[in-house]
Amino acid sequence: MVKWAPRRIGENFGVATERTSLTRLVRDLQGQQILPADAASGLMELIILGDRAAQGDAVSQDAGEWVMDVGPSILSRLDDLIADQGERASK
């Protein structure tokens, strides 16, 4: 979800997504006011923490708790954006 949702949002708005890093894409979506600043900031944190964990780096307990507490709301916002785009496209 964290990796494919920003790409889908970008594609729906005509933003180049191929050969673009996920962090760059999130910055582009925020810069074009497609992704709200608070959602982009939270998503960047999820990406960074997820990448660190995937590489075997230590992630603090506080960071892990933040992911568990805040992560679902960020992902829900992405779902809402995708759903809104789908509704607009079907009209």
PDB file of N, CA and C in Angstrom:
ATOM      1  N   MET A   1       0.822  -1.194   0.000  1.00  0.00           N
ATOM      2  CA  MET A   1       0.000   0.000   0.000  1.00  0.00           C
ATOM      3  C   MET A   1       0.861   1.250   0.000  1.00  0.00           C
ATOM      4  N   VAL A   2       1.853   1.297   0.881  1.00  0.00           N
ATOM      5  CA  VAL A   2       2.685   2.495   0.988  1.00  0.00           C
ATOM      6  C   VAL A   2       3.401   2.766  -0.329  1.00  0.00           C
ATOM      7  N   LYS A   3       3.775   1.706  -1.038  1.00  0.00           N
ATOM      8  CA  LYS A   3       4.539   1.904  -2.271  1.00  0.00           C
ATOM      9  C   LYS A   3       3.666   2.099  -3.501  1.00  0.00           C
ATOM     10  N   TRP A   4       2.530   1.430  -3.588  1.00  0.00           N
ATOM     11  CA  TRP A   4       1.759   1.551  -4.818  1.00  0.00           C
ATOM     12  C   TRP A   4       0.752   2.692  -4.792  1.00  0.00           C
ATOM     13  N   ALA A   5       0.259   3.088  -3.634  1.00  0.00           N
ATOM     14  CA  ALA A   5      -0.773   4.132  -3.579  1.00  0.00           C
ATOM     15  C   ALA A   5      -0.289   5.469  -4.134  1.00  0.00           C
ATOM     16  N   PRO A   6       0.888   5.971  -3.750  1.00  0.00           N
ATOM     17  CA  PRO A   6       1.332   7.245  -4.336  1.00  0.00           C
ATOM     18  C   PRO A   6       1.512   7.151  -5.855  1.00  0.00           C
ATOM     19  N   ARG A   7       1.954   6.003  -6.327  1.00  0.00           N
ATOM     20  CA  ARG A   7       2.110   5.848  -7.778  1.00  0.00           C
ATOM     21  C   ARG A   7       0.753   5.887  -8.478  1.00  0.00           C
ATOM     22  N   ARG A   8      -0.224   5.248  -7.897  1.00  0.00           N
ATOM     23  CA  ARG A   8      -1.566   5.258  -8.494  1.00  0.00           C
ATOM     24  C   ARG A   8      -2.157   6.665  -8.483  1.00  0.00           C
ATOM     25  N   ILE A   9      -1.983   7.374  -7.384  1.00  0.00           N
ATOM     26  CA  ILE A   9      -2.462   8.750  -7.296  1.00  0.00           C
ATOM     27  C   ILE A   9      -1.771   9.603  -8.355  1.00  0.00           C
ATOM     28  N   GLY A  10      -0.453   9.467  -8.470  1.00  0.00           N
ATOM     29  CA  GLY A  10       0.287  10.224  -9.479  1.00  0.00           C
ATOM     30  C   GLY A  10      -0.189   9.925 -10.890  1.00  0.00           C
ATOM     31  N   GLU A  11      -0.376   8.656 -11.200  1.00  0.00           N
ATOM     32  CA  GLU A  11      -0.857   8.278 -12.528  1.00  0.00           C
ATOM     33  C   GLU A  11      -2.228   8.881 -12.801  1.00  0.00           C
ATOM     34  N   ASN A  12      -3.096   8.875 -11.807  1.00  0.00           N
ATOM     35  CA  ASN A  12      -4.439   9.428 -11.982  1.00  0.00           C
ATOM     36  C   ASN A  12      -4.416  10.931 -12.255  1.00  0.00           C
ATOM     37  N   PHE A  13      -3.375  11.612 -11.781  1.00  0.00           N
ATOM     38  CA  PHE A  13      -3.257  13.055 -11.992  1.00  0.00           C
ATOM     39  C   PHE A  13      -2.263  13.404 -13.096  1.00  0.00           C
ATOM     40  N   GLY A  14      -1.762  12.400 -13.805  1.00  0.00           N
ATOM     41  CA  GLY A  14      -0.852  12.658 -14.911  1.00  0.00           C
ATOM     42  C   GLY A  14       0.562  13.029 -14.488  1.00  0.00           C
ATOM     43  N   VAL A  15       0.946  12.656 -13.293  1.00  0.00           N
ATOM     44  CA  VAL A  15       2.298  12.919 -12.798  1.00  0.00           C
ATOM     45  C   VAL A  15       3.185  11.735 -13.184  1.00  0.00           C
ATOM     46  N   ALA A  16       4.370  12.041 -13.690  1.00  0.00           N
ATOM     47  CA  ALA A  16       5.301  10.979 -14.083  1.00  0.00           C
ATOM     48  C   ALA A  16       5.647  10.127 -12.860  1.00  0.00           C
ATOM     49  N   THR A  17       5.467   8.820 -12.980  1.00  0.00           N
ATOM     50  CA  THR A  17       5.739   7.921 -11.862  1.00  0.00           C
ATOM     51  C   THR A  17       6.815   6.894 -12.188  1.00  0.00           C
ATOM     52  N   GLU A  18       7.059   6.641 -13.468  1.00  0.00           N
ATOM     53  CA  GLU A  18       8.066   5.654 -13.845  1.00  0.00           C
ATOM     54  C   GLU A  18       9.455   6.224 -13.597  1.00  0.00           C
ATOM     55  N   ARG A  19      10.316   5.368 -13.096  1.00  0.00           N
ATOM     56  CA  ARG A  19      11.710   5.731 -12.837  1.00  0.00           C
ATOM     57  C   ARG A  19      11.831   6.925 -11.882  1.00  0.00           C
ATOM     58  N   THR A  20      10.835   7.084 -11.050  1.00  0.00           N
ATOM     59  CA  THR A  20      10.842   8.133 -10.035  1.00  0.00           C
ATOM     60  C   THR A  20      10.839   7.450  -8.674  1.00  0.00           C
ATOM     61  N   SER A  21      11.755   7.883  -7.816  1.00  0.00           N
ATOM     62  CA  SER A  21      11.775   7.277  -6.483  1.00  0.00           C
ATOM     63  C   SER A  21      10.485   7.618  -5.753  1.00  0.00           C
ATOM     64  N   LEU A  22      10.160   6.807  -4.806  1.00  0.00           N
ATOM     65  CA  LEU A  22       8.935   7.012  -4.044  1.00  0.00           C
ATOM     66  C   LEU A  22       8.980   8.329  -3.271  1.00  0.00           C
ATOM     67  N   THR A  23      10.125   8.639  -2.687  1.00  0.00           N
ATOM     68  CA  THR A  23      10.223   9.896  -1.934  1.00  0.00           C
ATOM     69  C   THR A  23      10.098  11.099  -2.862  1.00  0.00           C
ATOM     70  N   ARG A  24      10.694  11.015  -4.032  1.00  0.00           N
ATOM     71  CA  ARG A  24      10.570  12.114  -5.012  1.00  0.00           C
ATOM     72  C   ARG A  24       9.125  12.273  -5.447  1.00  0.00           C
ATOM     73  N   LEU A  25       8.452  11.163  -5.682  1.00  0.00           N
ATOM     74  CA  LEU A  25       7.057  11.196  -6.107  1.00  0.00           C
ATOM     75  C   LEU A  25       6.185  11.851  -5.038  1.00  0.00           C
ATOM     76  N   VAL A  26       6.393  11.494  -3.785  1.00  0.00           N
ATOM     77  CA  VAL A  26       5.607  12.089  -2.701  1.00  0.00           C
ATOM     78  C   VAL A  26       5.848  13.592  -2.655  1.00  0.00           C
ATOM     79  N   ARG A  27       7.104  14.021  -2.795  1.00  0.00           N
ATOM     80  CA  ARG A  27       7.410  15.467  -2.812  1.00  0.00           C
ATOM     81  C   ARG A  27       6.724  16.150  -3.993  1.00  0.00           C
ATOM     82  N   ASP A  28       6.741  15.505  -5.170  1.00  0.00           N
ATOM     83  CA  ASP A  28       6.082  16.073  -6.345  1.00  0.00           C
ATOM     84  C   ASP A  28       4.576  16.199  -6.139  1.00  0.00           C
ATOM     85  N   LEU A  29       3.967  15.164  -5.566  1.00  0.00           N
ATOM     86  CA  LEU A  29       2.518  15.196  -5.319  1.00  0.00           C
ATOM     87  C   LEU A  29       2.159  16.286  -4.317  1.00  0.00           C
ATOM     88  N   GLN A  30       3.004  16.468  -3.321  1.00  0.00           N
ATOM     89  CA  GLN A  30       2.756  17.534  -2.355  1.00  0.00           C
ATOM     90  C   GLN A  30       2.966  18.898  -3.010  1.00  0.00           C
ATOM     91  N   GLY A  31       4.025  19.039  -3.790  1.00  0.00           N
ATOM     92  CA  GLY A  31       4.315  20.303  -4.452  1.00  0.00           C
ATOM     93  C   GLY A  31       3.218  20.735  -5.411  1.00  0.00           C
ATOM     94  N   GLN A  32       2.546  19.770  -6.017  1.00  0.00           N
ATOM     95  CA  GLN A  32       1.446  20.071  -6.928  1.00  0.00           C
ATOM     96  C   GLN A  32       0.104  20.128  -6.198  1.00  0.00           C
ATOM     97  N   GLN A  33       0.150  20.084  -4.894  1.00  0.00           N
ATOM     98  CA  GLN A  33      -1.024  20.155  -4.022  1.00  0.00           C
ATOM     99  C   GLN A  33      -2.041  19.047  -4.301  1.00  0.00           C
ATOM    100  N   ILE A  34      -1.536  17.909  -4.712  1.00  0.00           N
ATOM    101  CA  ILE A  34      -2.369  16.726  -4.901  1.00  0.00           C
ATOM    102  C   ILE A  34      -2.464  15.964  -3.590  1.00  0.00           C
ATOM    103  N   LEU A  35      -1.349  15.916  -2.879  1.00  0.00           N
ATOM    104  CA  LEU A  35      -1.265  15.231  -1.595  1.00  0.00           C
ATOM    105  C   LEU A  35      -1.110  16.285  -0.509  1.00  0.00           C
ATOM    106  N   PRO A  36      -2.021  16.334   0.469  1.00  0.00           N
ATOM    107  CA  PRO A  36      -1.917  17.330   1.543  1.00  0.00           C
ATOM    108  C   PRO A  36      -0.584  17.198   2.289  1.00  0.00           C
ATOM    109  N   ALA A  37      -0.094  18.321   2.776  1.00  0.00           N
ATOM    110  CA  ALA A  37       1.222  18.359   3.424  1.00  0.00           C
ATOM    111  C   ALA A  37       1.317  17.389   4.600  1.00  0.00           C
ATOM    112  N   ASP A  38       0.281  17.312   5.421  1.00  0.00           N
ATOM    113  CA  ASP A  38       0.357  16.423   6.583  1.00  0.00           C
ATOM    114  C   ASP A  38       0.392  14.954   6.162  1.00  0.00           C
ATOM    115  N   ALA A  39      -0.348  14.605   5.126  1.00  0.00           N
ATOM    116  CA  ALA A  39      -0.333  13.229   4.631  1.00  0.00           C
ATOM    117  C   ALA A  39       1.017  12.910   3.991  1.00  0.00           C
ATOM    118  N   ALA A  40       1.567  13.867   3.242  1.00  0.00           N
ATOM    119  CA  ALA A  40       2.865  13.656   2.600  1.00  0.00           C
ATOM    120  C   ALA A  40       3.959  13.481   3.652  1.00  0.00           C
ATOM    121  N   SER A  41       3.920  14.297   4.687  1.00  0.00           N
ATOM    122  CA  SER A  41       4.920  14.212   5.748  1.00  0.00           C
ATOM    123  C   SER A  41       4.852  12.858   6.450  1.00  0.00           C
ATOM    124  N   GLY A  42       3.660  12.442   6.800  1.00  0.00           N
ATOM    125  CA  GLY A  42       3.490  11.147   7.452  1.00  0.00           C
ATOM    126  C   GLY A  42       3.900   9.999   6.555  1.00  0.00           C
ATOM    127  N   LEU A  43       3.559  10.105   5.281  1.00  0.00           N
ATOM    128  CA  LEU A  43       3.920   9.061   4.325  1.00  0.00           C
ATOM    129  C   LEU A  43       5.436   8.969   4.174  1.00  0.00           C
ATOM    130  N   MET A  44       6.106  10.101   4.143  1.00  0.00           N
ATOM    131  CA  MET A  44       7.570  10.096   4.054  1.00  0.00           C
ATOM    132  C   MET A  44       8.172   9.380   5.259  1.00  0.00           C
ATOM    133  N   GLU A  45       7.631   9.631   6.438  1.00  0.00           N
ATOM    134  CA  GLU A  45       8.124   8.949   7.636  1.00  0.00           C
ATOM    135  C   GLU A  45       7.910   7.441   7.530  1.00  0.00           C
ATOM    136  N   LEU A  46       6.738   7.028   7.056  1.00  0.00           N
ATOM    137  CA  LEU A  46       6.474   5.598   6.879  1.00  0.00           C
ATOM    138  C   LEU A  46       7.463   4.974   5.902  1.00  0.00           C
ATOM    139  N   ILE A  47       7.734   5.667   4.814  1.00  0.00           N
ATOM    140  CA  ILE A  47       8.661   5.157   3.803  1.00  0.00           C
ATOM    141  C   ILE A  47      10.061   5.004   4.399  1.00  0.00           C
ATOM    142  N   ILE A  48      10.520   6.049   5.077  1.00  0.00           N
ATOM    143  CA  ILE A  48      11.869   6.038   5.648  1.00  0.00           C
ATOM    144  C   ILE A  48      12.002   4.925   6.683  1.00  0.00           C
ATOM    145  N   LEU A  49      11.036   4.841   7.586  1.00  0.00           N
ATOM    146  CA  LEU A  49      11.102   3.804   8.621  1.00  0.00           C
ATOM    147  C   LEU A  49      10.995   2.409   8.022  1.00  0.00           C
ATOM    148  N   GLY A  50      10.125   2.250   7.042  1.00  0.00           N
ATOM    149  CA  GLY A  50       9.980   0.950   6.391  1.00  0.00           C
ATOM    150  C   GLY A  50      11.243   0.527   5.674  1.00  0.00           C
ATOM    151  N   ASP A  51      11.877   1.473   4.987  1.00  0.00           N
ATOM    152  CA  ASP A  51      13.128   1.163   4.298  1.00  0.00           C
ATOM    153  C   ASP A  51      14.223   0.779   5.293  1.00  0.00           C
ATOM    154  N   ARG A  52      14.301   1.520   6.395  1.00  0.00           N
ATOM    155  CA  ARG A  52      15.313   1.204   7.404  1.00  0.00           C
ATOM    156  C   ARG A  52      15.097  -0.194   7.967  1.00  0.00           C
ATOM    157  N   ALA A  53      13.854  -0.502   8.286  1.00  0.00           N
ATOM    158  CA  ALA A  53      13.548  -1.825   8.842  1.00  0.00           C
ATOM    159  C   ALA A  53      13.839  -2.927   7.817  1.00  0.00           C
ATOM    160  N   ALA A  54      13.499  -2.673   6.552  1.00  0.00           N
ATOM    161  CA  ALA A  54      13.729  -3.667   5.508  1.00  0.00           C
ATOM    162  C   ALA A  54      15.218  -3.937   5.295  1.00  0.00           C
ATOM    163  N   GLN A  55      16.041  -2.936   5.553  1.00  0.00           N
ATOM    164  CA  GLN A  55      17.485  -3.092   5.398  1.00  0.00           C
ATOM    165  C   GLN A  55      18.135  -3.685   6.644  1.00  0.00           C
ATOM    166  N   GLY A  56      17.327  -3.943   7.663  1.00  0.00           N
ATOM    167  CA  GLY A  56      17.851  -4.539   8.879  1.00  0.00           C
ATOM    168  C   GLY A  56      18.403  -3.541   9.877  1.00  0.00           C
ATOM    169  N   ASP A  57      18.190  -2.253   9.619  1.00  0.00           N
ATOM    170  CA  ASP A  57      18.644  -1.230  10.565  1.00  0.00           C
ATOM    171  C   ASP A  57      17.724  -1.210  11.777  1.00  0.00           C
ATOM    172  N   ALA A  58      18.270  -0.767  12.885  1.00  0.00           N
ATOM    173  CA  ALA A  58      17.480  -0.656  14.109  1.00  0.00           C
ATOM    174  C   ALA A  58      16.448   0.462  13.967  1.00  0.00           C
ATOM    175  N   VAL A  59      15.253   0.176  14.427  1.00  0.00           N
ATOM    176  CA  VAL A  59      14.182   1.169  14.469  1.00  0.00           C
ATOM    177  C   VAL A  59      13.744   1.243  15.929  1.00  0.00           C
ATOM    178  N   SER A  60      13.698   2.461  16.454  1.00  0.00           N
ATOM    179  CA  SER A  60      13.386   2.615  17.874  1.00  0.00           C
ATOM    180  C   SER A  60      11.968   2.147  18.197  1.00  0.00           C
ATOM    181  N   GLN A  61      11.766   1.825  19.440  1.00  0.00           N
ATOM    182  CA  GLN A  61      10.435   1.410  19.882  1.00  0.00           C
ATOM    183  C   GLN A  61       9.441   2.545  19.683  1.00  0.00           C
ATOM    184  N   ASP A  62       9.857   3.784  19.946  1.00  0.00           N
ATOM    185  CA  ASP A  62       8.974   4.931  19.731  1.00  0.00           C
ATOM    186  C   ASP A  62       8.546   5.033  18.280  1.00  0.00           C
ATOM    187  N   ALA A  63       9.498   4.817  17.361  1.00  0.00           N
ATOM    188  CA  ALA A  63       9.178   4.876  15.936  1.00  0.00           C
ATOM    189  C   ALA A  63       8.204   3.758  15.564  1.00  0.00           C
ATOM    190  N   GLY A  64       8.421   2.583  16.098  1.00  0.00           N
ATOM    191  CA  GLY A  64       7.514   1.472  15.836  1.00  0.00           C
ATOM    192  C   GLY A  64       6.117   1.738  16.357  1.00  0.00           C
ATOM    193  N   GLU A  65       6.039   2.322  17.533  1.00  0.00           N
ATOM    194  CA  GLU A  65       4.734   2.666  18.099  1.00  0.00           C
ATOM    195  C   GLU A  65       4.055   3.746  17.268  1.00  0.00           C
ATOM    196  N   TRP A  66       4.839   4.716  16.790  1.00  0.00           N
ATOM    197  CA  TRP A  66       4.277   5.768  15.934  1.00  0.00           C
ATOM    198  C   TRP A  66       3.675   5.151  14.673  1.00  0.00           C
ATOM    199  N   VAL A  67       4.407   4.209  14.065  1.00  0.00           N
ATOM    200  CA  VAL A  67       3.898   3.548  12.860  1.00  0.00           C
ATOM    201  C   VAL A  67       2.574   2.850  13.153  1.00  0.00           C
ATOM    202  N   MET A  68       2.502   2.168  14.282  1.00  0.00           N
ATOM    203  CA  MET A  68       1.278   1.444  14.635  1.00  0.00           C
ATOM    204  C   MET A  68       0.129   2.392  14.963  1.00  0.00           C
ATOM    205  N   ASP A  69       0.435   3.535  15.554  1.00  0.00           N
ATOM    206  CA  ASP A  69      -0.603   4.493  15.940  1.00  0.00           C
ATOM    207  C   ASP A  69      -1.063   5.371  14.781  1.00  0.00           C
ATOM    208  N   VAL A  70      -0.121   5.876  14.015  1.00  0.00           N
ATOM    209  CA  VAL A  70      -0.422   6.883  12.998  1.00  0.00           C
ATOM    210  C   VAL A  70      -0.512   6.290  11.593  1.00  0.00           C
ATOM    211  N   GLY A  71       0.234   5.238  11.340  1.00  0.00           N
ATOM    212  CA  GLY A  71       0.269   4.643  10.015  1.00  0.00           C
ATOM    213  C   GLY A  71      -1.093   4.338   9.413  1.00  0.00           C
ATOM    214  N   PRO A  72      -1.997   3.710  10.157  1.00  0.00           N
ATOM    215  CA  PRO A  72      -3.305   3.396   9.574  1.00  0.00           C
ATOM    216  C   PRO A  72      -4.086   4.636   9.107  1.00  0.00           C
ATOM    217  N   SER A  73      -3.964   5.739   9.822  1.00  0.00           N
ATOM    218  CA  SER A  73      -4.697   6.951   9.401  1.00  0.00           C
ATOM    219  C   SER A  73      -4.089   7.525   8.126  1.00  0.00           C
ATOM    220  N   ILE A  74      -2.781   7.431   7.977  1.00  0.00           N
ATOM    221  CA  ILE A  74      -2.142   7.913   6.751  1.00  0.00           C
ATOM    222  C   ILE A  74      -2.579   7.051   5.568  1.00  0.00           C
ATOM    223  N   LEU A  75      -2.569   5.748   5.750  1.00  0.00           N
ATOM    224  CA  LEU A  75      -2.999   4.847   4.680  1.00  0.00           C
ATOM    225  C   LEU A  75      -4.470   5.050   4.338  1.00  0.00           C
ATOM    226  N   SER A  76      -5.272   5.344   5.338  1.00  0.00           N
ATOM    227  CA  SER A  76      -6.690   5.630   5.100  1.00  0.00           C
ATOM    228  C   SER A  76      -6.862   6.883   4.253  1.00  0.00           C
ATOM    229  N   ARG A  77      -6.038   7.898   4.509  1.00  0.00           N
ATOM    230  CA  ARG A  77      -6.101   9.130   3.706  1.00  0.00           C
ATOM    231  C   ARG A  77      -5.749   8.834   2.250  1.00  0.00           C
ATOM    232  N   LEU A  78      -4.762   7.972   2.041  1.00  0.00           N
ATOM    233  CA  LEU A  78      -4.410   7.599   0.675  1.00  0.00           C
ATOM    234  C   LEU A  78      -5.563   6.854   0.011  1.00  0.00           C
ATOM    235  N   ASP A  79      -6.183   5.938   0.739  1.00  0.00           N
ATOM    236  CA  ASP A  79      -7.362   5.230   0.211  1.00  0.00           C
ATOM    237  C   ASP A  79      -8.455   6.206  -0.178  1.00  0.00           C
ATOM    238  N   ASP A  80      -8.691   7.201   0.669  1.00  0.00           N
ATOM    239  CA  ASP A  80      -9.726   8.202   0.397  1.00  0.00           C
ATOM    240  C   ASP A  80      -9.410   8.993  -0.868  1.00  0.00           C
ATOM    241  N   LEU A  81      -8.148   9.372  -1.047  1.00  0.00           N
ATOM    242  CA  LEU A  81      -7.755  10.097  -2.252  1.00  0.00           C
ATOM    243  C   LEU A  81      -7.994   9.266  -3.502  1.00  0.00           C
ATOM    244  N   ILE A  82      -7.628   7.998  -3.432  1.00  0.00           N
ATOM    245  CA  ILE A  82      -7.822   7.109  -4.582  1.00  0.00           C
ATOM    246  C   ILE A  82      -9.313   6.936  -4.860  1.00  0.00           C
ATOM    247  N   ALA A  83     -10.120   6.766  -3.821  1.00  0.00           N
ATOM    248  CA  ALA A  83     -11.563   6.606  -3.993  1.00  0.00           C
ATOM    249  C   ALA A  83     -12.185   7.873  -4.587  1.00  0.00           C
ATOM    250  N   ASP A  84     -11.740   9.032  -4.105  1.00  0.00           N
ATOM    251  CA  ASP A  84     -12.254  10.296  -4.653  1.00  0.00           C
ATOM    252  C   ASP A  84     -11.928  10.422  -6.134  1.00  0.00           C
ATOM    253  N   GLN A  85     -10.728   9.997  -6.502  1.00  0.00           N
ATOM    254  CA  GLN A  85     -10.342  10.055  -7.915  1.00  0.00           C
ATOM    255  C   GLN A  85     -11.203   9.134  -8.756  1.00  0.00           C
ATOM    256  N   GLY A  86     -11.507   7.964  -8.213  1.00  0.00           N
ATOM    257  CA  GLY A  86     -12.363   7.019  -8.914  1.00  0.00           C
ATOM    258  C   GLY A  86     -13.771   7.553  -9.125  1.00  0.00           C
ATOM    259  N   GLU A  87     -14.282   8.232  -8.097  1.00  0.00           N
ATOM    260  CA  GLU A  87     -15.614   8.817  -8.208  1.00  0.00           C
ATOM    261  C   GLU A  87     -15.638   9.928  -9.255  1.00  0.00           C
ATOM    262  N   ARG A  88     -14.609  10.761  -9.290  1.00  0.00           N
ATOM    263  CA  ARG A  88     -14.549  11.841 -10.281  1.00  0.00           C
ATOM    264  C   ARG A  88     -14.448  11.271 -11.684  1.00  0.00           C
ATOM    265  N   ALA A  89     -13.681  10.215 -11.839  1.00  0.00           N
ATOM    266  CA  ALA A  89     -13.493   9.625 -13.165  1.00  0.00           C
ATOM    267  C   ALA A  89     -14.765   8.979 -13.688  1.00  0.00           C
ATOM    268  N   SER A  90     -15.615   8.494 -12.788  1.00  0.00           N
ATOM    269  CA  SER A  90     -16.838   7.818 -13.228  1.00  0.00           C
ATOM    270  C   SER A  90     -17.971   8.777 -13.539  1.00  0.00           C
ATOM    271  N   LYS A  91     -17.787  10.047 -13.219  1.00  0.00           N
ATOM    272  CA  LYS A  91     -18.853  11.041 -13.503  1.00  0.00           C
ATOM    273  C   LYS A  91     -18.773  11.559 -14.903  1.00  0.00           C
TER     274      LYS A  91
END
